[in-house]
């Protein structure tokens, strides 16, 4: 209890590329998962499991599409900034893009 008061709760990182529609799909998927976990009947588990699987596929299709659209938008803005000689804007946009890329490098042990 004392740690919770002094440290607070764990905060999730905000991902700016995820659209509102995708967040709604994620919330729906979470609700389906909670109903699935609370089910005791095997027949209902199968039905809700199939429903969860379909919603999970839908979420996994939407989120990468959102990220692609977001990065394309940043690239267009950076191209316009480069064409109009706005170097500060261009630098800020490339920083934004670089910070969102995941690193695939791993330490060799």
N, C-alpha and C. Protein backbone atom coordinates (compact mmCIF):
# COMPACT_ATOMS: atom_id res chain seq x y z
N UNK A 1 0.83 -1.18 0.00
CA UNK A 1 0.00 0.00 0.00
C UNK A 1 0.87 1.25 0.00
N UNK A 2 1.95 1.23 0.77
CA UNK A 2 2.83 2.41 0.81
C UNK A 2 3.54 2.61 -0.52
N UNK A 3 3.91 1.51 -1.17
CA UNK A 3 4.58 1.63 -2.46
C UNK A 3 3.64 2.23 -3.50
N UNK A 4 2.38 1.84 -3.42
CA UNK A 4 1.41 2.38 -4.38
C UNK A 4 1.22 3.88 -4.19
N UNK A 5 1.27 4.33 -2.91
CA UNK A 5 1.11 5.76 -2.64
C UNK A 5 2.33 6.54 -3.09
N UNK A 6 3.51 6.00 -2.86
CA UNK A 6 4.72 6.76 -3.20
C UNK A 6 5.07 6.65 -4.69
N UNK A 7 4.89 5.47 -5.28
CA UNK A 7 5.26 5.27 -6.68
C UNK A 7 4.12 5.51 -7.66
N UNK A 8 2.91 5.27 -7.21
CA UNK A 8 1.77 5.40 -8.10
C UNK A 8 1.57 4.14 -8.92
N UNK A 9 0.66 4.21 -9.85
CA UNK A 9 0.36 3.07 -10.70
C UNK A 9 1.25 3.08 -11.93
N UNK A 10 1.43 1.91 -12.52
CA UNK A 10 2.21 1.80 -13.74
C UNK A 10 1.44 2.47 -14.87
N UNK A 11 2.13 3.33 -15.61
CA UNK A 11 1.48 4.05 -16.69
C UNK A 11 1.82 3.39 -18.01
N UNK A 12 0.81 3.24 -18.84
CA UNK A 12 1.01 2.68 -20.17
C UNK A 12 1.53 3.76 -21.10
N UNK A 13 2.40 3.38 -22.01
CA UNK A 13 2.89 4.32 -22.99
C UNK A 13 1.79 4.61 -24.01
N UNK A 14 1.64 5.88 -24.32
CA UNK A 14 0.65 6.26 -25.31
C UNK A 14 1.26 6.09 -26.69
N UNK A 15 0.57 5.38 -27.53
CA UNK A 15 1.04 5.16 -28.89
C UNK A 15 0.20 6.03 -29.81
N UNK A 16 0.80 7.09 -30.34
CA UNK A 16 0.00 8.07 -31.09
C UNK A 16 -0.54 7.54 -32.41
N UNK A 17 -0.05 6.44 -32.90
CA UNK A 17 -0.49 5.96 -34.21
C UNK A 17 -1.76 5.13 -34.14
N UNK A 18 -2.19 4.73 -32.95
CA UNK A 18 -3.39 3.91 -32.84
C UNK A 18 -4.62 4.81 -32.89
N UNK A 19 -5.52 4.53 -33.83
CA UNK A 19 -6.71 5.36 -34.03
C UNK A 19 -7.78 5.04 -32.98
N UNK A 20 -8.76 5.90 -32.92
CA UNK A 20 -9.87 5.70 -31.97
C UNK A 20 -10.64 4.42 -32.29
N UNK A 21 -10.79 4.13 -33.58
CA UNK A 21 -11.50 2.91 -33.97
C UNK A 21 -10.77 1.67 -33.46
N UNK A 22 -9.44 1.71 -33.56
CA UNK A 22 -8.65 0.57 -33.07
C UNK A 22 -8.76 0.44 -31.56
N UNK A 23 -8.77 1.58 -30.86
CA UNK A 23 -8.93 1.51 -29.39
C UNK A 23 -10.28 0.92 -29.03
N UNK A 24 -11.33 1.26 -29.80
CA UNK A 24 -12.64 0.68 -29.55
C UNK A 24 -12.62 -0.83 -29.78
N UNK A 25 -11.94 -1.26 -30.85
CA UNK A 25 -11.83 -2.70 -31.10
C UNK A 25 -11.07 -3.40 -29.97
N UNK A 26 -10.03 -2.74 -29.46
CA UNK A 26 -9.26 -3.32 -28.36
C UNK A 26 -10.12 -3.46 -27.11
N UNK A 27 -10.95 -2.43 -26.84
CA UNK A 27 -11.85 -2.50 -25.67
C UNK A 27 -12.88 -3.61 -25.84
N UNK A 28 -13.39 -3.77 -27.05
CA UNK A 28 -14.35 -4.85 -27.32
C UNK A 28 -13.70 -6.21 -27.13
N UNK A 29 -12.47 -6.34 -27.61
CA UNK A 29 -11.74 -7.61 -27.46
C UNK A 29 -11.52 -7.92 -25.99
N UNK A 30 -11.19 -6.89 -25.21
CA UNK A 30 -10.96 -7.08 -23.78
C UNK A 30 -12.25 -7.53 -23.08
N UNK A 31 -13.38 -6.94 -23.46
CA UNK A 31 -14.66 -7.32 -22.87
C UNK A 31 -15.01 -8.77 -23.21
N UNK A 32 -14.74 -9.17 -24.45
CA UNK A 32 -15.00 -10.55 -24.86
C UNK A 32 -14.11 -11.51 -24.06
N UNK A 33 -12.85 -11.11 -23.84
CA UNK A 33 -11.92 -11.96 -23.08
C UNK A 33 -12.40 -12.12 -21.63
N UNK A 34 -12.90 -11.04 -21.04
CA UNK A 34 -13.42 -11.13 -19.67
C UNK A 34 -14.62 -12.06 -19.60
N UNK A 35 -15.53 -11.98 -20.59
CA UNK A 35 -16.68 -12.90 -20.62
C UNK A 35 -16.22 -14.33 -20.83
N UNK A 36 -15.20 -14.52 -21.66
CA UNK A 36 -14.67 -15.86 -21.92
C UNK A 36 -14.06 -16.45 -20.65
N UNK A 37 -13.32 -15.64 -19.92
CA UNK A 37 -12.69 -16.13 -18.69
C UNK A 37 -13.71 -16.44 -17.59
N UNK A 38 -14.84 -15.77 -17.62
CA UNK A 38 -15.86 -15.99 -16.60
C UNK A 38 -16.84 -17.10 -16.94
N UNK A 39 -16.65 -17.75 -18.05
CA UNK A 39 -17.57 -18.80 -18.50
C UNK A 39 -17.13 -20.16 -17.98
N UNK A 40 -18.12 -20.95 -17.53
CA UNK A 40 -17.83 -22.31 -17.06
C UNK A 40 -18.25 -23.36 -18.08
N UNK A 41 -19.26 -23.07 -18.87
CA UNK A 41 -19.79 -24.02 -19.83
C UNK A 41 -18.83 -24.19 -21.01
N UNK A 42 -18.59 -25.43 -21.40
CA UNK A 42 -17.69 -25.72 -22.52
C UNK A 42 -18.24 -25.19 -23.83
N UNK A 43 -19.57 -25.32 -24.01
CA UNK A 43 -20.20 -24.85 -25.25
C UNK A 43 -20.05 -23.34 -25.38
N UNK A 44 -20.27 -22.60 -24.29
CA UNK A 44 -20.11 -21.14 -24.32
C UNK A 44 -18.65 -20.75 -24.48
N UNK A 45 -17.76 -21.53 -23.88
CA UNK A 45 -16.33 -21.23 -24.03
C UNK A 45 -15.90 -21.34 -25.49
N UNK A 46 -16.38 -22.36 -26.18
CA UNK A 46 -16.04 -22.51 -27.60
C UNK A 46 -16.59 -21.35 -28.42
N UNK A 47 -17.84 -20.98 -28.14
CA UNK A 47 -18.49 -19.89 -28.87
C UNK A 47 -17.76 -18.57 -28.63
N UNK A 48 -17.48 -18.27 -27.37
CA UNK A 48 -16.80 -17.01 -27.04
C UNK A 48 -15.33 -17.04 -27.46
N UNK A 49 -14.74 -18.23 -27.47
CA UNK A 49 -13.37 -18.35 -27.95
C UNK A 49 -13.27 -18.01 -29.42
N UNK A 50 -14.24 -18.47 -30.20
CA UNK A 50 -14.26 -18.15 -31.63
C UNK A 50 -14.51 -16.66 -31.84
N UNK A 51 -15.40 -16.09 -31.02
CA UNK A 51 -15.68 -14.65 -31.10
C UNK A 51 -14.43 -13.84 -30.76
N UNK A 52 -13.70 -14.28 -29.73
CA UNK A 52 -12.47 -13.59 -29.33
C UNK A 52 -11.41 -13.70 -30.42
N UNK A 53 -11.31 -14.86 -31.01
CA UNK A 53 -10.31 -15.07 -32.06
C UNK A 53 -10.57 -14.16 -33.26
N UNK A 54 -11.84 -14.02 -33.64
CA UNK A 54 -12.20 -13.15 -34.75
C UNK A 54 -11.90 -11.69 -34.43
N UNK A 55 -12.22 -11.27 -33.21
CA UNK A 55 -11.97 -9.87 -32.82
C UNK A 55 -10.47 -9.62 -32.71
N UNK A 56 -9.71 -10.61 -32.25
CA UNK A 56 -8.25 -10.48 -32.15
C UNK A 56 -7.64 -10.29 -33.52
N UNK A 57 -8.11 -11.06 -34.51
CA UNK A 57 -7.62 -10.91 -35.89
C UNK A 57 -7.91 -9.51 -36.41
N UNK A 58 -9.12 -9.02 -36.10
CA UNK A 58 -9.51 -7.69 -36.56
C UNK A 58 -8.61 -6.61 -35.96
N UNK A 59 -8.31 -6.74 -34.67
CA UNK A 59 -7.41 -5.77 -34.01
C UNK A 59 -6.03 -5.84 -34.63
N UNK A 60 -5.53 -7.05 -34.85
CA UNK A 60 -4.18 -7.21 -35.39
C UNK A 60 -4.08 -6.76 -36.84
N UNK A 61 -5.18 -6.61 -37.52
CA UNK A 61 -5.16 -6.04 -38.87
C UNK A 61 -5.23 -4.52 -38.84
N UNK A 62 -5.96 -3.98 -37.87
CA UNK A 62 -6.15 -2.53 -37.82
C UNK A 62 -4.93 -1.77 -37.31
N UNK A 63 -4.28 -2.28 -36.27
CA UNK A 63 -3.18 -1.53 -35.64
C UNK A 63 -2.00 -1.33 -36.59
N UNK A 64 -1.52 -2.33 -37.32
CA UNK A 64 -0.43 -2.07 -38.27
C UNK A 64 -0.83 -1.10 -39.38
N UNK A 65 -2.09 -1.17 -39.80
CA UNK A 65 -2.58 -0.25 -40.81
C UNK A 65 -2.55 1.19 -40.28
N UNK A 66 -2.94 1.36 -39.01
CA UNK A 66 -2.89 2.68 -38.39
C UNK A 66 -1.46 3.21 -38.32
N UNK A 67 -0.54 2.33 -37.95
CA UNK A 67 0.86 2.77 -37.84
C UNK A 67 1.41 3.14 -39.22
N UNK A 68 1.07 2.37 -40.23
CA UNK A 68 1.52 2.67 -41.58
C UNK A 68 0.98 4.02 -42.04
N UNK A 69 -0.30 4.28 -41.79
CA UNK A 69 -0.90 5.56 -42.17
C UNK A 69 -0.24 6.71 -41.42
N UNK A 70 0.06 6.50 -40.14
CA UNK A 70 0.69 7.53 -39.32
C UNK A 70 2.10 7.85 -39.82
N UNK A 71 2.88 6.82 -40.12
CA UNK A 71 4.24 7.06 -40.62
C UNK A 71 4.22 7.68 -42.01
N UNK A 72 3.24 7.29 -42.85
CA UNK A 72 3.13 7.92 -44.16
C UNK A 72 2.81 9.41 -44.03
N UNK A 73 1.96 9.75 -43.06
CA UNK A 73 1.64 11.15 -42.82
C UNK A 73 2.86 11.94 -42.38
N UNK A 74 3.66 11.36 -41.49
CA UNK A 74 4.88 12.03 -41.04
C UNK A 74 5.86 12.18 -42.20
N UNK A 75 5.95 11.16 -43.04
CA UNK A 75 6.86 11.23 -44.20
C UNK A 75 6.43 12.33 -45.16
N UNK A 76 5.13 12.47 -45.39
CA UNK A 76 4.64 13.54 -46.26
C UNK A 76 4.94 14.92 -45.67
N UNK A 77 4.72 15.06 -44.36
CA UNK A 77 5.03 16.33 -43.70
C UNK A 77 6.52 16.64 -43.80
N UNK A 78 7.36 15.63 -43.60
CA UNK A 78 8.81 15.84 -43.68
C UNK A 78 9.22 16.22 -45.10
N UNK A 79 8.60 15.61 -46.09
CA UNK A 79 8.91 15.93 -47.48
C UNK A 79 8.53 17.38 -47.80
N UNK A 80 7.35 17.80 -47.31
CA UNK A 80 6.92 19.18 -47.52
C UNK A 80 7.85 20.16 -46.82
N UNK A 81 8.29 19.79 -45.60
CA UNK A 81 9.20 20.66 -44.85
C UNK A 81 10.54 20.76 -45.57
N UNK A 82 11.01 19.65 -46.13
CA UNK A 82 12.28 19.66 -46.84
C UNK A 82 12.18 20.50 -48.11
N UNK A 83 11.06 20.39 -48.81
CA UNK A 83 10.87 21.18 -50.03
C UNK A 83 10.78 22.67 -49.76
N UNK A 84 10.24 23.04 -48.60
CA UNK A 84 10.09 24.46 -48.27
C UNK A 84 11.21 24.98 -47.35
N UNK A 85 12.26 24.18 -47.17
CA UNK A 85 13.46 24.58 -46.41
C UNK A 85 13.19 24.86 -44.93
N UNK A 86 12.23 24.16 -44.32
CA UNK A 86 11.97 24.28 -42.88
C UNK A 86 12.74 23.18 -42.16
N UNK A 87 13.98 23.46 -41.84
CA UNK A 87 14.86 22.43 -41.28
C UNK A 87 14.49 22.06 -39.85
N UNK A 88 14.01 23.00 -39.07
CA UNK A 88 13.63 22.70 -37.69
C UNK A 88 12.46 21.70 -37.68
N UNK A 89 11.47 21.97 -38.50
CA UNK A 89 10.33 21.07 -38.60
C UNK A 89 10.78 19.70 -39.10
N UNK A 90 11.63 19.68 -40.09
CA UNK A 90 12.14 18.43 -40.64
C UNK A 90 12.88 17.62 -39.57
N UNK A 91 13.71 18.29 -38.79
CA UNK A 91 14.46 17.63 -37.72
C UNK A 91 13.52 17.05 -36.67
N UNK A 92 12.51 17.82 -36.27
CA UNK A 92 11.56 17.33 -35.27
C UNK A 92 10.78 16.13 -35.79
N UNK A 93 10.41 16.15 -37.05
CA UNK A 93 9.68 15.02 -37.62
C UNK A 93 10.54 13.77 -37.70
N UNK A 94 11.81 13.92 -38.05
CA UNK A 94 12.67 12.74 -38.12
C UNK A 94 12.95 12.18 -36.73
N UNK A 95 13.01 13.05 -35.72
CA UNK A 95 13.16 12.57 -34.34
C UNK A 95 11.94 11.75 -33.93
N UNK A 96 10.76 12.26 -34.29
CA UNK A 96 9.52 11.55 -33.96
C UNK A 96 9.51 10.17 -34.60
N UNK A 97 9.90 10.11 -35.85
CA UNK A 97 9.90 8.84 -36.56
C UNK A 97 10.94 7.88 -35.99
N UNK A 98 12.10 8.40 -35.65
CA UNK A 98 13.18 7.56 -35.14
C UNK A 98 12.84 7.00 -33.77
N UNK A 99 12.13 7.76 -32.95
CA UNK A 99 11.79 7.31 -31.61
C UNK A 99 10.75 6.19 -31.61
N UNK A 100 9.95 6.10 -32.66
CA UNK A 100 8.90 5.08 -32.69
C UNK A 100 9.38 3.78 -33.29
N UNK A 101 10.52 3.76 -33.94
CA UNK A 101 11.00 2.53 -34.54
C UNK A 101 11.51 1.60 -33.45
N UNK A 102 11.15 0.35 -33.56
CA UNK A 102 11.60 -0.63 -32.58
C UNK A 102 13.01 -1.09 -32.92
N UNK A 103 13.76 -1.36 -31.89
CA UNK A 103 15.12 -1.82 -32.12
C UNK A 103 15.11 -3.35 -32.14
N UNK A 104 15.80 -3.90 -33.11
CA UNK A 104 15.85 -5.36 -33.21
C UNK A 104 17.22 -5.87 -32.80
N UNK A 105 18.10 -4.98 -32.42
CA UNK A 105 19.42 -5.40 -32.01
C UNK A 105 19.36 -5.98 -30.60
N UNK A 106 20.10 -7.03 -30.38
CA UNK A 106 20.14 -7.65 -29.07
C UNK A 106 21.60 -7.88 -28.69
N UNK A 107 21.86 -7.84 -27.41
CA UNK A 107 23.21 -8.05 -26.94
C UNK A 107 23.61 -9.51 -27.11
N UNK A 108 24.84 -9.70 -27.49
CA UNK A 108 25.37 -11.06 -27.64
C UNK A 108 25.98 -11.48 -26.32
N UNK A 109 25.52 -12.62 -25.81
CA UNK A 109 26.05 -13.05 -24.51
C UNK A 109 26.85 -14.31 -24.61
